[in-house]
Amino acid sequence: MQRNTAGSCFTIRLLIMVLTLSPAVLEAQVEAGIGGMNCSEVKRQITRNWLQLESFFRDGDKGLKRPKSKDFFCVSPYYTRNTMQKSSVSRELKCYTVQGQNFCCDSKLQACAGM
């Protein structure tokens, strides 16, 4: 009985440690959104609308090149919960900042991508 309690404490501590690693948590889904949906379309929309989104993703750094697909990572739409959408960043995408990480989602919040 005591062994299960120690294992439970270890599991809880491990979960707390993982949740405190902010950028790593956002990268939980490597190439999929809800239900295994690929986020490649969101990546394409971000690249296509880069002039509108550059200041959002680069925090004011100017003169940086348009990103390539390999520069992005998929983000679970779960992280949009209880988060305010950034106003008028893009008409096609809903963009958010969570724990210092910027990412955008499709209009239905089924797939998201960040840099």
PDB file of N, CA and C in Angstrom:
ATOM      1  N   MET A   1       0.822  -1.197   0.000  1.00  0.00           N
ATOM      2  CA  MET A   1       0.000   0.000   0.000  1.00  0.00           C
ATOM      3  C   MET A   1       0.862   1.255   0.000  1.00  0.00           C
ATOM      4  N   GLN A   2       1.908   1.246   0.804  1.00  0.00           N
ATOM      5  CA  GLN A   2       2.770   2.410   0.893  1.00  0.00           C
ATOM      6  C   GLN A   2       3.516   2.642  -0.425  1.00  0.00           C
ATOM      7  N   ARG A   3       3.851   1.586  -1.143  1.00  0.00           N
ATOM      8  CA  ARG A   3       4.575   1.696  -2.407  1.00  0.00           C
ATOM      9  C   ARG A   3       3.739   2.453  -3.439  1.00  0.00           C
ATOM     10  N   ASN A   4       2.418   2.213  -3.503  1.00  0.00           N
ATOM     11  CA  ASN A   4       1.535   2.924  -4.426  1.00  0.00           C
ATOM     12  C   ASN A   4       1.473   4.413  -4.108  1.00  0.00           C
ATOM     13  N   THR A   5       1.481   4.775  -2.846  1.00  0.00           N
ATOM     14  CA  THR A   5       1.445   6.176  -2.456  1.00  0.00           C
ATOM     15  C   THR A   5       2.718   6.891  -2.907  1.00  0.00           C
ATOM     16  N   ALA A   6       3.853   6.247  -2.728  1.00  0.00           N
ATOM     17  CA  ALA A   6       5.120   6.848  -3.166  1.00  0.00           C
ATOM     18  C   ALA A   6       5.129   7.018  -4.680  1.00  0.00           C
ATOM     19  N   GLY A   7       4.596   6.025  -5.402  1.00  0.00           N
ATOM     20  CA  GLY A   7       4.514   6.119  -6.861  1.00  0.00           C
ATOM     21  C   GLY A   7       3.587   7.245  -7.292  1.00  0.00           C
ATOM     22  N   SER A   8       2.499   7.410  -6.567  1.00  0.00           N
ATOM     23  CA  SER A   8       1.548   8.489  -6.884  1.00  0.00           C
ATOM     24  C   SER A   8       2.192   9.851  -6.670  1.00  0.00           C
ATOM     25  N   CYS A   9       2.950   9.996  -5.594  1.00  0.00           N
ATOM     26  CA  CYS A   9       3.641  11.268  -5.319  1.00  0.00           C
ATOM     27  C   CYS A   9       4.653  11.571  -6.416  1.00  0.00           C
ATOM     28  N   PHE A  10       5.382  10.534  -6.842  1.00  0.00           N
ATOM     29  CA  PHE A  10       6.356  10.717  -7.914  1.00  0.00           C
ATOM     30  C   PHE A  10       5.655  11.158  -9.200  1.00  0.00           C
ATOM     31  N   THR A  11       4.521  10.526  -9.517  1.00  0.00           N
ATOM     32  CA  THR A  11       3.763  10.866 -10.720  1.00  0.00           C
ATOM     33  C   THR A  11       3.277  12.307 -10.661  1.00  0.00           C
ATOM     34  N   ILE A  12       2.777  12.725  -9.524  1.00  0.00           N
ATOM     35  CA  ILE A  12       2.289  14.099  -9.361  1.00  0.00           C
ATOM     36  C   ILE A  12       3.440  15.082  -9.492  1.00  0.00           C
ATOM     37  N   ARG A  13       4.579  14.787  -8.870  1.00  0.00           N
ATOM     38  CA  ARG A  13       5.741  15.684  -8.972  1.00  0.00           C
ATOM     39  C   ARG A  13       6.230  15.786 -10.409  1.00  0.00           C
ATOM     40  N   LEU A  14       6.245  14.656 -11.108  1.00  0.00           N
ATOM     41  CA  LEU A  14       6.665  14.652 -12.510  1.00  0.00           C
ATOM     42  C   LEU A  14       5.712  15.489 -13.357  1.00  0.00           C
ATOM     43  N   LEU A  15       4.419  15.361 -13.116  1.00  0.00           N
ATOM     44  CA  LEU A  15       3.423  16.144 -13.851  1.00  0.00           C
ATOM     45  C   LEU A  15       3.605  17.633 -13.594  1.00  0.00           C
ATOM     46  N   ILE A  16       3.838  18.019 -12.358  1.00  0.00           N
ATOM     47  CA  ILE A  16       4.058  19.435 -12.020  1.00  0.00           C
ATOM     48  C   ILE A  16       5.320  19.947 -12.710  1.00  0.00           C
ATOM     49  N   MET A  17       6.380  19.138 -12.726  1.00  0.00           N
ATOM     50  CA  MET A  17       7.617  19.539 -13.391  1.00  0.00           C
ATOM     51  C   MET A  17       7.387  19.776 -14.881  1.00  0.00           C
ATOM     52  N   VAL A  18       6.664  18.874 -15.517  1.00  0.00           N
ATOM     53  CA  VAL A  18       6.405  18.984 -16.950  1.00  0.00           C
ATOM     54  C   VAL A  18       5.580  20.225 -17.246  1.00  0.00           C
ATOM     55  N   LEU A  19       4.577  20.507 -16.421  1.00  0.00           N
ATOM     56  CA  LEU A  19       3.709  21.659 -16.653  1.00  0.00           C
ATOM     57  C   LEU A  19       4.424  22.990 -16.462  1.00  0.00           C
ATOM     58  N   THR A  20       5.488  23.006 -15.682  1.00  0.00           N
ATOM     59  CA  THR A  20       6.205  24.260 -15.466  1.00  0.00           C
ATOM     60  C   THR A  20       7.207  24.566 -16.576  1.00  0.00           C
ATOM     61  N   LEU A  21       7.455  23.618 -17.460  1.00  0.00           N
ATOM     62  CA  LEU A  21       8.357  23.845 -18.591  1.00  0.00           C
ATOM     63  C   LEU A  21       7.557  24.458 -19.728  1.00  0.00           C
ATOM     64  N   SER A  22       7.308  25.762 -19.658  1.00  0.00           N
ATOM     65  CA  SER A  22       6.350  26.435 -20.537  1.00  0.00           C
ATOM     66  C   SER A  22       6.496  26.172 -22.030  1.00  0.00           C
ATOM     67  N   PRO A  23       7.604  26.459 -22.712  1.00  0.00           N
ATOM     68  CA  PRO A  23       7.648  26.236 -24.156  1.00  0.00           C
ATOM     69  C   PRO A  23       7.519  24.768 -24.526  1.00  0.00           C
ATOM     70  N   ALA A  24       8.096  23.901 -23.706  1.00  0.00           N
ATOM     71  CA  ALA A  24       8.036  22.479 -24.022  1.00  0.00           C
ATOM     72  C   ALA A  24       6.605  21.956 -23.974  1.00  0.00           C
ATOM     73  N   VAL A  25       5.791  22.489 -23.069  1.00  0.00           N
ATOM     74  CA  VAL A  25       4.405  22.050 -22.966  1.00  0.00           C
ATOM     75  C   VAL A  25       3.637  22.393 -24.235  1.00  0.00           C
ATOM     76  N   LEU A  26       3.902  23.544 -24.815  1.00  0.00           N
ATOM     77  CA  LEU A  26       3.191  23.947 -26.024  1.00  0.00           C
ATOM     78  C   LEU A  26       3.534  23.066 -27.210  1.00  0.00           C
ATOM     79  N   GLU A  27       4.674  22.419 -27.188  1.00  0.00           N
ATOM     80  CA  GLU A  27       5.088  21.575 -28.298  1.00  0.00           C
ATOM     81  C   GLU A  27       4.623  20.132 -28.143  1.00  0.00           C
ATOM     82  N   ALA A  28       3.625  19.919 -27.310  1.00  0.00           N
ATOM     83  CA  ALA A  28       3.181  18.568 -27.013  1.00  0.00           C
ATOM     84  C   ALA A  28       2.718  17.811 -28.246  1.00  0.00           C
ATOM     85  N   GLN A  29       2.124  18.492 -29.191  1.00  0.00           N
ATOM     86  CA  GLN A  29       1.670  17.816 -30.391  1.00  0.00           C
ATOM     87  C   GLN A  29       2.564  18.242 -31.543  1.00  0.00           C
ATOM     88  N   VAL A  30       3.376  17.346 -32.017  1.00  0.00           N
ATOM     89  CA  VAL A  30       4.386  17.674 -33.004  1.00  0.00           C
ATOM     90  C   VAL A  30       3.791  18.055 -34.347  1.00  0.00           C
ATOM     91  N   GLU A  31       2.860  17.304 -34.865  1.00  0.00           N
ATOM     92  CA  GLU A  31       2.297  17.604 -36.175  1.00  0.00           C
ATOM     93  C   GLU A  31       0.792  17.433 -36.219  1.00  0.00           C
ATOM     94  N   ALA A  32       0.107  17.562 -35.106  1.00  0.00           N
ATOM     95  CA  ALA A  32      -1.329  17.316 -35.143  1.00  0.00           C
ATOM     96  C   ALA A  32      -2.081  18.236 -34.209  1.00  0.00           C
ATOM     97  N   GLY A  33      -3.277  18.589 -34.610  1.00  0.00           N
ATOM     98  CA  GLY A  33      -4.193  19.348 -33.773  1.00  0.00           C
ATOM     99  C   GLY A  33      -5.224  18.383 -33.212  1.00  0.00           C
ATOM    100  N   ILE A  34      -6.461  18.812 -33.086  1.00  0.00           N
ATOM    101  CA  ILE A  34      -7.525  17.966 -32.569  1.00  0.00           C
ATOM    102  C   ILE A  34      -7.760  16.801 -33.512  1.00  0.00           C
ATOM    103  N   GLY A  35      -7.902  15.625 -32.957  1.00  0.00           N
ATOM    104  CA  GLY A  35      -8.212  14.439 -33.743  1.00  0.00           C
ATOM    105  C   GLY A  35      -7.154  14.088 -34.777  1.00  0.00           C
ATOM    106  N   GLY A  36      -5.908  14.463 -34.536  1.00  0.00           N
ATOM    107  CA  GLY A  36      -4.842  14.136 -35.468  1.00  0.00           C
ATOM    108  C   GLY A  36      -4.785  15.052 -36.672  1.00  0.00           C
ATOM    109  N   MET A  37      -5.567  16.141 -36.668  1.00  0.00           N
ATOM    110  CA  MET A  37      -5.555  17.063 -37.809  1.00  0.00           C
ATOM    111  C   MET A  37      -4.181  17.709 -37.934  1.00  0.00           C
ATOM    112  N   ASN A  38      -3.659  17.743 -39.116  1.00  0.00           N
ATOM    113  CA  ASN A  38      -2.349  18.308 -39.390  1.00  0.00           C
ATOM    114  C   ASN A  38      -2.420  19.835 -39.335  1.00  0.00           C
ATOM    115  N   CYS A  39      -1.391  20.481 -38.821  1.00  0.00           N
ATOM    116  CA  CYS A  39      -1.404  21.940 -38.719  1.00  0.00           C
ATOM    117  C   CYS A  39      -0.716  22.595 -39.916  1.00  0.00           C
ATOM    118  N   SER A  40      -0.438  21.842 -40.959  1.00  0.00           N
ATOM    119  CA  SER A  40       0.277  22.414 -42.105  1.00  0.00           C
ATOM    120  C   SER A  40      -0.501  23.543 -42.781  1.00  0.00           C
ATOM    121  N   GLU A  41      -1.820  23.480 -42.758  1.00  0.00           N
ATOM    122  CA  GLU A  41      -2.611  24.564 -43.361  1.00  0.00           C
ATOM    123  C   GLU A  41      -2.444  25.859 -42.568  1.00  0.00           C
ATOM    124  N   VAL A  42      -2.387  25.764 -41.254  1.00  0.00           N
ATOM    125  CA  VAL A  42      -2.159  26.956 -40.425  1.00  0.00           C
ATOM    126  C   VAL A  42      -0.766  27.508 -40.702  1.00  0.00           C
ATOM    127  N   LYS A  43       0.225  26.640 -40.854  1.00  0.00           N
ATOM    128  CA  LYS A  43       1.582  27.089 -41.199  1.00  0.00           C
ATOM    129  C   LYS A  43       1.570  27.853 -42.520  1.00  0.00           C
ATOM    130  N   ARG A  44       0.844  27.315 -43.501  1.00  0.00           N
ATOM    131  CA  ARG A  44       0.757  27.994 -44.804  1.00  0.00           C
ATOM    132  C   ARG A  44       0.074  29.350 -44.681  1.00  0.00           C
ATOM    133  N   GLN A  45      -0.979  29.430 -43.873  1.00  0.00           N
ATOM    134  CA  GLN A  45      -1.677  30.703 -43.694  1.00  0.00           C
ATOM    135  C   GLN A  45      -0.785  31.727 -42.997  1.00  0.00           C
ATOM    136  N   ILE A  46      -0.014  31.296 -42.025  1.00  0.00           N
ATOM    137  CA  ILE A  46       0.905  32.219 -41.344  1.00  0.00           C
ATOM    138  C   ILE A  46       1.941  32.734 -42.339  1.00  0.00           C
ATOM    139  N   THR A  47       2.505  31.833 -43.144  1.00  0.00           N
ATOM    140  CA  THR A  47       3.507  32.232 -44.137  1.00  0.00           C
ATOM    141  C   THR A  47       2.896  33.177 -45.169  1.00  0.00           C
ATOM    142  N   ARG A  48       1.682  32.855 -45.623  1.00  0.00           N
ATOM    143  CA  ARG A  48       0.998  33.681 -46.619  1.00  0.00           C
ATOM    144  C   ARG A  48       0.687  35.085 -46.076  1.00  0.00           C
ATOM    145  N   ASN A  49       0.351  35.178 -44.802  1.00  0.00           N
ATOM    146  CA  ASN A  49      -0.003  36.457 -44.178  1.00  0.00           C
ATOM    147  C   ASN A  49       1.140  37.021 -43.338  1.00  0.00           C
ATOM    148  N   TRP A  50       2.373  36.684 -43.692  1.00  0.00           N
ATOM    149  CA  TRP A  50       3.526  37.043 -42.869  1.00  0.00           C
ATOM    150  C   TRP A  50       3.655  38.544 -42.627  1.00  0.00           C
ATOM    151  N   LEU A  51       3.360  39.361 -43.605  1.00  0.00           N
ATOM    152  CA  LEU A  51       3.501  40.814 -43.422  1.00  0.00           C
ATOM    153  C   LEU A  51       2.590  41.327 -42.307  1.00  0.00           C
ATOM    154  N   GLN A  52       1.405  40.737 -42.162  1.00  0.00           N
ATOM    155  CA  GLN A  52       0.492  41.116 -41.079  1.00  0.00           C
ATOM    156  C   GLN A  52       0.940  40.544 -39.734  1.00  0.00           C
ATOM    157  N   LEU A  53       1.546  39.374 -39.759  1.00  0.00           N
ATOM    158  CA  LEU A  53       1.843  38.644 -38.530  1.00  0.00           C
ATOM    159  C   LEU A  53       3.284  38.785 -38.035  1.00  0.00           C
ATOM    160  N   GLU A  54       4.142  39.391 -38.831  1.00  0.00           N
ATOM    161  CA  GLU A  54       5.562  39.466 -38.480  1.00  0.00           C
ATOM    162  C   GLU A  54       5.794  40.104 -37.116  1.00  0.00           C
ATOM    163  N   SER A  55       5.181  41.237 -36.851  1.00  0.00           N
ATOM    164  CA  SER A  55       5.422  41.910 -35.568  1.00  0.00           C
ATOM    165  C   SER A  55       4.872  41.094 -34.398  1.00  0.00           C
ATOM    166  N   PHE A  56       3.804  40.342 -34.624  1.00  0.00           N
ATOM    167  CA  PHE A  56       3.252  39.482 -33.569  1.00  0.00           C
ATOM    168  C   PHE A  56       4.235  38.370 -33.199  1.00  0.00           C
ATOM    169  N   PHE A  57       4.810  37.725 -34.200  1.00  0.00           N
ATOM    170  CA  PHE A  57       5.715  36.605 -33.932  1.00  0.00           C
ATOM    171  C   PHE A  57       7.122  37.040 -33.555  1.00  0.00           C
ATOM    172  N   ARG A  58       7.580  38.156 -34.077  1.00  0.00           N
ATOM    173  CA  ARG A  58       8.966  38.567 -33.852  1.00  0.00           C
ATOM    174  C   ARG A  58       9.128  39.637 -32.785  1.00  0.00           C
ATOM    175  N   ASP A  59       8.069  40.011 -32.125  1.00  0.00           N
ATOM    176  CA  ASP A  59       8.128  41.017 -31.065  1.00  0.00           C
ATOM    177  C   ASP A  59       8.843  42.285 -31.509  1.00  0.00           C
ATOM    178  N   GLY A  60       8.522  42.757 -32.696  1.00  0.00           N
ATOM    179  CA  GLY A  60       9.070  44.015 -33.168  1.00  0.00           C
ATOM    180  C   GLY A  60      10.357  43.924 -33.958  1.00  0.00           C
ATOM    181  N   ASP A  61      11.030  42.778 -33.992  1.00  0.00           N
ATOM    182  CA  ASP A  61      12.237  42.631 -34.799  1.00  0.00           C
ATOM    183  C   ASP A  61      11.893  42.768 -36.269  1.00  0.00           C
ATOM    184  N   LYS A  62      12.488  43.722 -36.923  1.00  0.00           N
ATOM    185  CA  LYS A  62      12.217  43.948 -38.349  1.00  0.00           C
ATOM    186  C   LYS A  62      13.328  43.340 -39.193  1.00  0.00           C
ATOM    187  N   GLY A  63      13.043  43.146 -40.464  1.00  0.00           N
ATOM    188  CA  GLY A  63      14.051  42.694 -41.403  1.00  0.00           C
ATOM    189  C   GLY A  63      14.309  41.196 -41.392  1.00  0.00           C
ATOM    190  N   LEU A  64      13.501  40.443 -40.683  1.00  0.00           N
ATOM    191  CA  LEU A  64      13.697  38.998 -40.667  1.00  0.00           C
ATOM    192  C   LEU A  64      12.967  38.370 -41.846  1.00  0.00           C
ATOM    193  N   LYS A  65      13.515  37.284 -42.342  1.00  0.00           N
ATOM    194  CA  LYS A  65      12.963  36.640 -43.532  1.00  0.00           C
ATOM    195  C   LYS A  65      11.663  35.912 -43.219  1.00  0.00           C
ATOM    196  N   ARG A  66      10.886  35.703 -44.281  1.00  0.00           N
ATOM    197  CA  ARG A  66       9.651  34.938 -44.176  1.00  0.00           C
ATOM    198  C   ARG A  66      10.007  33.518 -43.710  1.00  0.00           C
ATOM    199  N   PRO A  67       9.299  32.990 -42.703  1.00  0.00           N
ATOM    200  CA  PRO A  67       9.649  31.675 -42.164  1.00  0.00           C
ATOM    201  C   PRO A  67       9.317  30.543 -43.129  1.00  0.00           C
ATOM    202  N   LYS A  68      10.009  29.436 -42.950  1.00  0.00           N
ATOM    203  CA  LYS A  68       9.757  28.219 -43.713  1.00  0.00           C
ATOM    204  C   LYS A  68       8.974  27.249 -42.825  1.00  0.00           C
ATOM    205  N   SER A  69       8.431  26.227 -43.431  1.00  0.00           N
ATOM    206  CA  SER A  69       7.616  25.258 -42.691  1.00  0.00           C
ATOM    207  C   SER A  69       8.373  24.649 -41.515  1.00  0.00           C
ATOM    208  N   LYS A  70       9.666  24.421 -41.663  1.00  0.00           N
ATOM    209  CA  LYS A  70      10.459  23.803 -40.589  1.00  0.00           C
ATOM    210  C   LYS A  70      10.623  24.713 -39.374  1.00  0.00           C
ATOM    211  N   ASP A  71      10.344  26.022 -39.535  1.00  0.00           N
ATOM    212  CA  ASP A  71      10.469  26.965 -38.433  1.00  0.00           C
ATOM    213  C   ASP A  71       9.289  26.908 -37.457  1.00  0.00           C
ATOM    214  N   PHE A  72       8.235  26.188 -37.821  1.00  0.00           N
ATOM    215  CA  PHE A  72       7.019  26.133 -37.020  1.00  0.00           C
ATOM    216  C   PHE A  72       6.917  24.833 -36.232  1.00  0.00           C
ATOM    217  N   PHE A  73       6.076  24.858 -35.203  1.00  0.00           N
ATOM    218  CA  PHE A  73       5.688  23.648 -34.493  1.00  0.00           C
ATOM    219  C   PHE A  73       4.182  23.697 -34.288  1.00  0.00           C
ATOM    220  N   CYS A  74       3.567  22.540 -34.230  1.00  0.00           N
ATOM    221  CA  CYS A  74       2.126  22.474 -33.997  1.00  0.00           C
ATOM    222  C   CYS A  74       1.849  22.616 -32.504  1.00  0.00           C
ATOM    223  N   VAL A  75       0.720  23.220 -32.197  1.00  0.00           N
ATOM    224  CA  VAL A  75       0.310  23.471 -30.823  1.00  0.00           C
ATOM    225  C   VAL A  75      -1.107  22.939 -30.649  1.00  0.00           C
ATOM    226  N   SER A  76      -1.378  22.341 -29.527  1.00  0.00           N
ATOM    227  CA  SER A  76      -2.732  21.864 -29.255  1.00  0.00           C
ATOM    228  C   SER A  76      -3.666  23.060 -29.056  1.00  0.00           C
ATOM    229  N   PRO A  77      -4.826  23.058 -29.685  1.00  0.00           N
ATOM    230  CA  PRO A  77      -5.799  24.139 -29.478  1.00  0.00           C
ATOM    231  C   PRO A  77      -6.262  24.243 -28.026  1.00  0.00           C
ATOM    232  N   TYR A  78      -5.988  23.239 -27.236  1.00  0.00           N
ATOM    233  CA  TYR A  78      -6.326  23.259 -25.813  1.00  0.00           C
ATOM    234  C   TYR A  78      -5.767  24.505 -25.122  1.00  0.00           C
ATOM    235  N   TYR A  79      -4.609  24.983 -25.566  1.00  0.00           N
ATOM    236  CA  TYR A  79      -3.948  26.111 -24.910  1.00  0.00           C
ATOM    237  C   TYR A  79      -4.635  27.444 -25.168  1.00  0.00           C
ATOM    238  N   THR A  80      -5.675  27.455 -26.008  1.00  0.00           N
ATOM    239  CA  THR A  80      -6.422  28.694 -26.231  1.00  0.00           C
ATOM    240  C   THR A  80      -7.488  28.910 -25.166  1.00  0.00           C
ATOM    241  N   ARG A  81      -7.746  27.875 -24.376  1.00  0.00           N
ATOM    242  CA  ARG A  81      -8.756  28.001 -23.319  1.00  0.00           C
ATOM    243  C   ARG A  81      -8.337  29.070 -22.325  1.00  0.00           C
ATOM    244  N   ASN A  82      -9.288  29.868 -21.900  1.00  0.00           N
ATOM    245  CA  ASN A  82      -9.071  30.925 -20.905  1.00  0.00           C
ATOM    246  C   ASN A  82      -7.988  31.917 -21.336  1.00  0.00           C
ATOM    247  N   THR A  83      -7.823  32.101 -22.633  1.00  0.00           N
ATOM    248  CA  THR A  83      -6.816  33.021 -23.159  1.00  0.00           C
ATOM    249  C   THR A  83      -7.505  34.029 -24.070  1.00  0.00           C
ATOM    250  N   MET A  84      -7.109  35.264 -23.968  1.00  0.00           N
ATOM    251  CA  MET A  84      -7.673  36.315 -24.819  1.00  0.00           C
ATOM    252  C   MET A  84      -7.010  36.279 -26.186  1.00  0.00           C
ATOM    253  N   GLN A  85      -7.827  36.316 -27.215  1.00  0.00           N
ATOM    254  CA  GLN A  85      -7.322  36.384 -28.585  1.00  0.00           C
ATOM    255  C   GLN A  85      -6.724  37.760 -28.829  1.00  0.00           C
ATOM    256  N   LYS A  86      -5.601  37.820 -29.532  1.00  0.00           N
ATOM    257  CA  LYS A  86      -4.997  39.098 -29.898  1.00  0.00           C
ATOM    258  C   LYS A  86      -5.898  39.747 -30.940  1.00  0.00           C
ATOM    259  N   SER A  87      -6.273  40.982 -30.717  1.00  0.00           N
ATOM    260  CA  SER A  87      -7.240  41.633 -31.600  1.00  0.00           C
ATOM    261  C   SER A  87      -6.650  41.966 -32.961  1.00  0.00           C
ATOM    262  N   SER A  88      -7.393  41.661 -33.976  1.00  0.00           N
ATOM    263  CA  SER A  88      -7.145  42.022 -35.381  1.00  0.00           C
ATOM    264  C   SER A  88      -5.717  41.775 -35.872  1.00  0.00           C
ATOM    265  N   VAL A  89      -5.108  40.673 -35.462  1.00  0.00           N
ATOM    266  CA  VAL A  89      -3.798  40.320 -35.986  1.00  0.00           C
ATOM    267  C   VAL A  89      -3.957  39.801 -37.411  1.00  0.00           C
ATOM    268  N   SER A  90      -4.984  38.980 -37.630  1.00  0.00           N
ATOM    269  CA  SER A  90      -5.243  38.418 -38.947  1.00  0.00           C
ATOM    270  C   SER A  90      -6.732  38.114 -39.072  1.00  0.00           C
ATOM    271  N   ARG A  91      -7.273  38.252 -40.277  1.00  0.00           N
ATOM    272  CA  ARG A  91      -8.686  37.936 -40.481  1.00  0.00           C
ATOM    273  C   ARG A  91      -8.913  36.434 -40.544  1.00  0.00           C
ATOM    274  N   GLU A  92      -7.956  35.687 -41.071  1.00  0.00           N
ATOM    275  CA  GLU A  92      -8.118  34.249 -41.269  1.00  0.00           C
ATOM    276  C   GLU A  92      -7.734  33.423 -40.046  1.00  0.00           C
ATOM    277  N   LEU A  93      -6.911  33.980 -39.184  1.00  0.00           N
ATOM    278  CA  LEU A  93      -6.368  33.226 -38.058  1.00  0.00           C
ATOM    279  C   LEU A  93      -6.722  33.886 -36.732  1.00  0.00           C
ATOM    280  N   LYS A  94      -6.799  33.073 -35.698  1.00  0.00           N
ATOM    281  CA  LYS A  94      -6.954  33.568 -34.333  1.00  0.00           C
ATOM    282  C   LYS A  94      -5.608  33.375 -33.652  1.00  0.00           C
ATOM    283  N   CYS A  95      -5.032  34.449 -33.140  1.00  0.00           N
ATOM    284  CA  CYS A  95      -3.676  34.379 -32.581  1.00  0.00           C
ATOM    285  C   CYS A  95      -3.688  34.636 -31.080  1.00  0.00           C
ATOM    286  N   TYR A  96      -2.777  33.966 -30.389  1.00  0.00           N
ATOM    287  CA  TYR A  96      -2.710  33.992 -28.932  1.00  0.00           C
ATOM    288  C   TYR A  96      -1.256  34.043 -28.470  1.00  0.00           C
ATOM    289  N   THR A  97      -1.070  34.513 -27.235  1.00  0.00           N
ATOM    290  CA  THR A  97       0.217  34.424 -26.556  1.00  0.00           C
ATOM    291  C   THR A  97      -0.034  33.726 -25.233  1.00  0.00           C
ATOM    292  N   VAL A  98       0.651  32.601 -25.013  1.00  0.00           N
ATOM    293  CA  VAL A  98       0.521  31.844 -23.775  1.00  0.00           C
ATOM    294  C   VAL A  98       1.923  31.596 -23.240  1.00  0.00           C
ATOM    295  N   GLN A  99       2.169  32.059 -22.035  1.00  0.00           N
ATOM    296  CA  GLN A  99       3.458  31.889 -21.362  1.00  0.00           C
ATOM    297  C   GLN A  99       4.616  32.311 -22.255  1.00  0.00           C
ATOM    298  N   GLY A 100       4.464  33.422 -22.945  1.00  0.00           N
ATOM    299  CA  GLY A 100       5.524  33.967 -23.784  1.00  0.00           C
ATOM    300  C   GLY A 100       5.647  33.335 -25.158  1.00  0.00           C
ATOM    301  N   GLN A 101       4.816  32.358 -25.479  1.00  0.00           N
ATOM    302  CA  GLN A 101       4.852  31.695 -26.780  1.00  0.00           C
ATOM    303  C   GLN A 101       3.705  32.210 -27.645  1.00  0.00           C
ATOM    304  N   ASN A 102       4.018  32.656 -28.850  1.00  0.00           N
ATOM    305  CA  ASN A 102       3.009  33.148 -29.788  1.00  0.00           C
ATOM    306  C   ASN A 102       2.615  32.033 -30.737  1.00  0.00           C
ATOM    307  N   PHE A 103       1.314  31.893 -30.985  1.00  0.00           N
ATOM    308  CA  PHE A 103       0.838  30.920 -31.952  1.00  0.00           C
ATOM    309  C   PHE A 103      -0.505  31.360 -32.502  1.00  0.00           C
ATOM    310  N   CYS A 104      -0.857  30.825 -33.665  1.00  0.00           N
ATOM    311  CA  CYS A 104      -2.124  31.133 -34.309  1.00  0.00           C
ATOM    312  C   CYS A 104      -2.860  29.847 -34.620  1.00  0.00           C
ATOM    313  N   CYS A 105      -4.192  29.934 -34.651  1.00  0.00           N
ATOM    314  CA  CYS A 105      -5.050  28.783 -34.929  1.00  0.00           C
ATOM    315  C   CYS A 105      -5.973  29.112 -36.090  1.00  0.00           C
ATOM    316  N   ASP A 106      -6.514  28.066 -36.704  1.00  0.00           N
ATOM    317  CA  ASP A 106      -7.514  28.296 -37.743  1.00  0.00           C
ATOM    318  C   ASP A 106      -8.788  28.839 -37.094  1.00  0.00           C
ATOM    319  N   SER A 107      -9.719  29.281 -37.911  1.00  0.00           N
ATOM    320  CA  SER A 107     -10.915  29.942 -37.383  1.00  0.00           C
ATOM    321  C   SER A 107     -11.800  29.011 -36.553  1.00  0.00           C
ATOM    322  N   LYS A 108     -11.685  27.692 -36.753  1.00  0.00           N
ATOM    323  CA  LYS A 108     -12.498  26.730 -36.007  1.00  0.00           C
ATOM    324  C   LYS A 108     -11.770  26.174 -34.782  1.00  0.00           C
ATOM    325  N   LEU A 109     -10.555  26.664 -34.537  1.00  0.00           N
ATOM    326  CA  LEU A 109      -9.720  26.198 -33.417  1.00  0.00           C
ATOM    327  C   LEU A 109      -9.510  24.690 -33.451  1.00  0.00           C
ATOM    328  N   GLN A 110      -9.236  24.158 -34.634  1.00  0.00           N
ATOM    329  CA  GLN A 110      -8.957  22.732 -34.770  1.00  0.00           C
ATOM    330  C   GLN A 110      -7.469  22.451 -34.934  1.00  0.00           C
ATOM    331  N   ALA A 111      -6.703  23.425 -35.393  1.00  0.00           N
ATOM    332  CA  ALA A 111      -5.266  23.247 -35.566  1.00  0.00           C
ATOM    333  C   ALA A 111      -4.574  24.576 -35.284  1.00  0.00           C
ATOM    334  N   CYS A 112      -3.416  24.505 -34.645  1.00  0.00           N
ATOM    335  CA  CYS A 112      -2.655  25.706 -34.292  1.00  0.00           C
ATOM    336  C   CYS A 112      -1.174  25.478 -34.570  1.00  0.00           C
ATOM    337  N   ALA A 113      -0.468  26.577 -34.842  1.00  0.00           N
ATOM    338  CA  ALA A 113       0.978  26.499 -35.088  1.00  0.00           C
ATOM    339  C   ALA A 113       1.655  27.724 -34.487  1.00  0.00           C
ATOM    340  N   GLY A 114       2.874  27.526 -34.012  1.00  0.00           N
ATOM    341  CA  GLY A 114       3.669  28.611 -33.459  1.00  0.00           C
ATOM    342  C   GLY A 114       5.087  28.525 -33.982  1.00  0.00           C
ATOM    343  N   MET A 115       5.894  29.520 -33.592  1.00  0.00           N
ATOM    344  CA  MET A 115       7.299  29.539 -34.021  1.00  0.00           C
ATOM    345  C   MET A 115       8.206  29.532 -32.805  1.00  0.00           C
TER     346      MET A 115
END
